[in-house]
Amino acid sequence: DILMFNAGKVPVGRDQIQHVEMARDIGQRFNFHYGDHFVLPEAVVDDNVALLQGLDGRKMSKSYG
């Protein structure tokens, strides 16, 4: 999805940076073999909204019982 929309800067939380890096790697490899088609995305993390917490103030998780 990131490469399809030629997004140069992608707002993400800290826990999603690896997805942007993976899209960047895929785009870089494609561009190397087939010419410059994709804009290589860059993750932008706003420290104020870097992690989404649950309503109780704790990290969202399925492991809470």
C-alpha atoms as a PDB file:
ATOM      1  CA  ASP A   1       0.000   0.000   0.000  1.00  0.00           C
ATOM      2  CA  ILE A   2       2.819   2.405   0.790  1.00  0.00           C
ATOM      3  CA  LEU A   3       4.548   2.009  -2.566  1.00  0.00           C
ATOM      4  CA  MET A   4       1.311   2.050  -4.553  1.00  0.00           C
ATOM      5  CA  PHE A   5       0.531   5.624  -3.489  1.00  0.00           C
ATOM      6  CA  ASN A   6       4.117   6.901  -3.947  1.00  0.00           C
ATOM      7  CA  ALA A   7       4.177   8.175  -0.382  1.00  0.00           C
ATOM      8  CA  GLY A   8       7.436   9.964   0.385  1.00  0.00           C
ATOM      9  CA  LYS A   9       6.767  10.397   4.089  1.00  0.00           C
ATOM     10  CA  VAL A  10       4.608   7.953   6.018  1.00  0.00           C
ATOM     11  CA  PRO A  11       3.336   8.832   9.511  1.00  0.00           C
ATOM     12  CA  VAL A  12       3.674   5.751  11.724  1.00  0.00           C
ATOM     13  CA  GLY A  13       4.084   4.732  15.341  1.00  0.00           C
ATOM     14  CA  ARG A  14       7.422   3.417  16.576  1.00  0.00           C
ATOM     15  CA  ASP A  15       6.121  -0.150  16.405  1.00  0.00           C
ATOM     16  CA  GLN A  16       5.409   0.153  12.662  1.00  0.00           C
ATOM     17  CA  ILE A  17       8.741   1.541  11.430  1.00  0.00           C
ATOM     18  CA  GLN A  18       9.889  -1.903  10.262  1.00  0.00           C
ATOM     19  CA  HIS A  19       6.957  -2.064   7.816  1.00  0.00           C
ATOM     20  CA  VAL A  20       8.011   1.190   6.159  1.00  0.00           C
ATOM     21  CA  GLU A  21      11.619  -0.027   6.020  1.00  0.00           C
ATOM     22  CA  MET A  22      10.494  -3.258   4.368  1.00  0.00           C
ATOM     23  CA  ALA A  23       8.468  -1.319   1.774  1.00  0.00           C
ATOM     24  CA  ARG A  24      11.523   0.880   1.178  1.00  0.00           C
ATOM     25  CA  ASP A  25      13.734  -2.192   0.601  1.00  0.00           C
ATOM     26  CA  ILE A  26      11.233  -3.707  -1.830  1.00  0.00           C
ATOM     27  CA  GLY A  27      10.909  -0.417  -3.731  1.00  0.00           C
ATOM     28  CA  GLN A  28      14.673   0.003  -3.869  1.00  0.00           C
ATOM     29  CA  ARG A  29      15.163  -3.472  -5.321  1.00  0.00           C
ATOM     30  CA  PHE A  30      12.392  -2.955  -7.878  1.00  0.00           C
ATOM     31  CA  ASN A  31      13.819   0.417  -8.917  1.00  0.00           C
ATOM     32  CA  PHE A  32      17.287  -1.113  -9.294  1.00  0.00           C
ATOM     33  CA  HIS A  33      16.046  -3.779 -11.704  1.00  0.00           C
ATOM     34  CA  TYR A  34      13.328  -1.896 -13.607  1.00  0.00           C
ATOM     35  CA  GLY A  35      14.163   1.810 -13.344  1.00  0.00           C
ATOM     36  CA  ASP A  36      12.845   4.500 -11.029  1.00  0.00           C
ATOM     37  CA  HIS A  37       9.144   3.746 -10.613  1.00  0.00           C
ATOM     38  CA  PHE A  38       8.608   4.003  -6.867  1.00  0.00           C
ATOM     39  CA  VAL A  39       9.219   6.823  -4.426  1.00  0.00           C
ATOM     40  CA  LEU A  40      11.176   5.388  -1.504  1.00  0.00           C
ATOM     41  CA  PRO A  41       9.153   6.021   1.657  1.00  0.00           C
ATOM     42  CA  GLU A  42      10.504   7.509   4.856  1.00  0.00           C
ATOM     43  CA  ALA A  43       8.941   6.832   8.256  1.00  0.00           C
ATOM     44  CA  VAL A  44       7.878   9.906  10.230  1.00  0.00           C
ATOM     45  CA  VAL A  45       7.245   9.314  13.936  1.00  0.00           C
ATOM     46  CA  ASP A  46       5.505  11.956  16.039  1.00  0.00           C
ATOM     47  CA  ASP A  47       6.645  11.364  19.622  1.00  0.00           C
ATOM     48  CA  ASN A  48       3.301  12.619  20.964  1.00  0.00           C
ATOM     49  CA  VAL A  49       1.380   9.816  19.260  1.00  0.00           C
ATOM     50  CA  ALA A  50       4.097   7.182  18.862  1.00  0.00           C
ATOM     51  CA  LEU A  51       2.238   4.483  20.841  1.00  0.00           C
ATOM     52  CA  LEU A  52      -1.482   3.876  21.011  1.00  0.00           C
ATOM     53  CA  GLN A  53      -2.617   2.933  24.498  1.00  0.00           C
ATOM     54  CA  GLY A  54      -5.776   1.171  25.547  1.00  0.00           C
ATOM     55  CA  LEU A  55      -8.609   2.901  27.382  1.00  0.00           C
ATOM     56  CA  ASP A  56      -7.161   1.818  30.739  1.00  0.00           C
ATOM     57  CA  GLY A  57      -3.838   3.541  29.954  1.00  0.00           C
ATOM     58  CA  ARG A  58      -1.962   0.284  29.426  1.00  0.00           C
ATOM     59  CA  LYS A  59      -0.519  -1.059  26.212  1.00  0.00           C
ATOM     60  CA  MET A  60      -3.130  -2.753  24.017  1.00  0.00           C
ATOM     61  CA  SER A  61      -2.574  -6.520  24.179  1.00  0.00           C
ATOM     62  CA  LYS A  62      -4.460  -9.782  23.856  1.00  0.00           C
ATOM     63  CA  SER A  63      -2.479 -11.301  26.727  1.00  0.00           C
ATOM     64  CA  TYR A  64      -4.356  -9.412  29.458  1.00  0.00           C
ATOM     65  CA  GLY A  65      -6.799 -11.779  31.095  1.00  0.00           C
END
